[in-house]
Amino acid sequence: MSGEVGFQARGVLDTIAGLRREFPLVRFVEWDERLTTRMAVAGAGRKPGKRKGRRAPVDHLAAARILQEYLARRGDL
């Protein structure tokens, strides 16, 4: 959250760089999704955490939020 690129993000950016070299005609969009699960949990009125040893099923809500933000930024919403 400090603005620095972390270990996991660095790996993703390296992968994207390789994909861009391999597929130069494809547009790849980098997206910061760090807080989307937390926002999805809050928006669904759920409490964060685990349920029956697994993460609460909010990944689909987080993915929907990422898509909404992307479309809104493009001006499609």
Protein backbone atom coordinates (compact mmCIF):
# COMPACT_ATOMS: atom_id res chain seq x y z
CA MET A 1 0.00 0.00 0.00
CA SER A 2 3.07 2.25 0.15
CA GLY A 3 3.22 2.56 -3.62
CA GLU A 4 6.14 0.16 -3.96
CA VAL A 5 5.90 -2.88 -6.22
CA GLY A 6 5.86 -6.00 -4.06
CA PHE A 7 7.27 -9.44 -4.79
CA GLN A 8 4.02 -10.87 -6.20
CA ALA A 9 3.31 -7.78 -8.30
CA ARG A 10 6.84 -7.88 -9.72
CA GLY A 11 6.26 -11.46 -10.89
CA VAL A 12 2.98 -10.47 -12.52
CA LEU A 13 4.59 -7.50 -14.27
CA ASP A 14 7.40 -9.72 -15.55
CA THR A 15 4.82 -12.19 -16.89
CA ILE A 16 2.91 -9.37 -18.60
CA ALA A 17 6.16 -8.12 -20.17
CA GLY A 18 6.78 -11.60 -21.59
CA LEU A 19 3.23 -11.83 -22.90
CA ARG A 20 3.55 -8.43 -24.56
CA ARG A 21 6.70 -9.59 -26.36
CA GLU A 22 5.03 -12.84 -27.43
CA PHE A 23 1.72 -11.23 -28.45
CA PRO A 24 2.47 -7.66 -29.55
CA LEU A 25 -0.99 -7.10 -31.04
CA VAL A 26 -2.83 -7.95 -27.81
CA ARG A 27 -3.60 -5.14 -25.37
CA PHE A 28 -2.81 -6.08 -21.78
CA VAL A 29 -4.19 -3.90 -18.99
CA GLU A 30 -2.52 -3.79 -15.59
CA TRP A 31 -5.02 -3.42 -12.77
CA ASP A 32 -4.52 -2.92 -9.06
CA GLU A 33 -6.92 -5.33 -7.37
CA ARG A 34 -5.54 -5.27 -3.83
CA LEU A 35 -8.65 -4.00 -2.07
CA THR A 36 -11.35 -5.50 -4.28
CA THR A 37 -12.02 -8.51 -2.05
CA ARG A 38 -12.38 -6.28 1.00
CA MET A 39 -14.78 -3.99 -0.88
CA ALA A 40 -16.75 -6.99 -2.17
CA VAL A 41 -17.11 -8.36 1.36
CA ALA A 42 -18.29 -4.99 2.65
CA GLY A 43 -20.70 -4.52 -0.25
CA ALA A 44 -22.20 -7.97 0.29
CA GLY A 45 -22.75 -7.32 3.98
CA ARG A 46 -20.51 -10.25 4.89
CA LYS A 47 -17.75 -10.49 7.41
CA PRO A 48 -14.28 -11.19 6.06
CA GLY A 49 -12.58 -14.41 6.94
CA LYS A 50 -12.86 -18.11 6.45
CA ARG A 51 -15.83 -20.40 6.39
CA LYS A 52 -15.37 -24.15 6.93
CA GLY A 53 -11.63 -23.88 6.42
CA ARG A 54 -12.06 -21.99 3.14
CA ARG A 55 -12.20 -18.39 2.21
CA ALA A 56 -15.70 -16.95 2.10
CA PRO A 57 -16.95 -17.14 -1.52
CA VAL A 58 -16.57 -13.51 -2.54
CA ASP A 59 -14.05 -13.84 -5.35
CA HIS A 60 -16.81 -13.59 -7.95
CA LEU A 61 -17.98 -10.33 -6.37
CA ALA A 62 -14.43 -8.98 -6.39
CA ALA A 63 -14.04 -9.96 -10.06
CA ALA A 64 -17.30 -8.20 -10.90
CA ARG A 65 -16.06 -5.07 -9.14
CA ILE A 66 -12.81 -5.13 -11.12
CA LEU A 67 -14.78 -5.41 -14.37
CA GLN A 68 -17.11 -2.57 -13.32
CA GLU A 69 -14.15 -0.31 -12.52
CA TYR A 70 -12.48 -1.18 -15.82
CA LEU A 71 -15.62 -0.48 -17.86
CA ALA A 72 -16.27 2.74 -15.95
CA ARG A 73 -12.74 3.95 -16.63
CA ARG A 74 -13.19 3.20 -20.35
CA GLY A 75 -16.48 5.11 -20.31
CA ASP A 76 -18.64 2.07 -21.07
CA LEU A 77 -20.76 2.41 -17.90
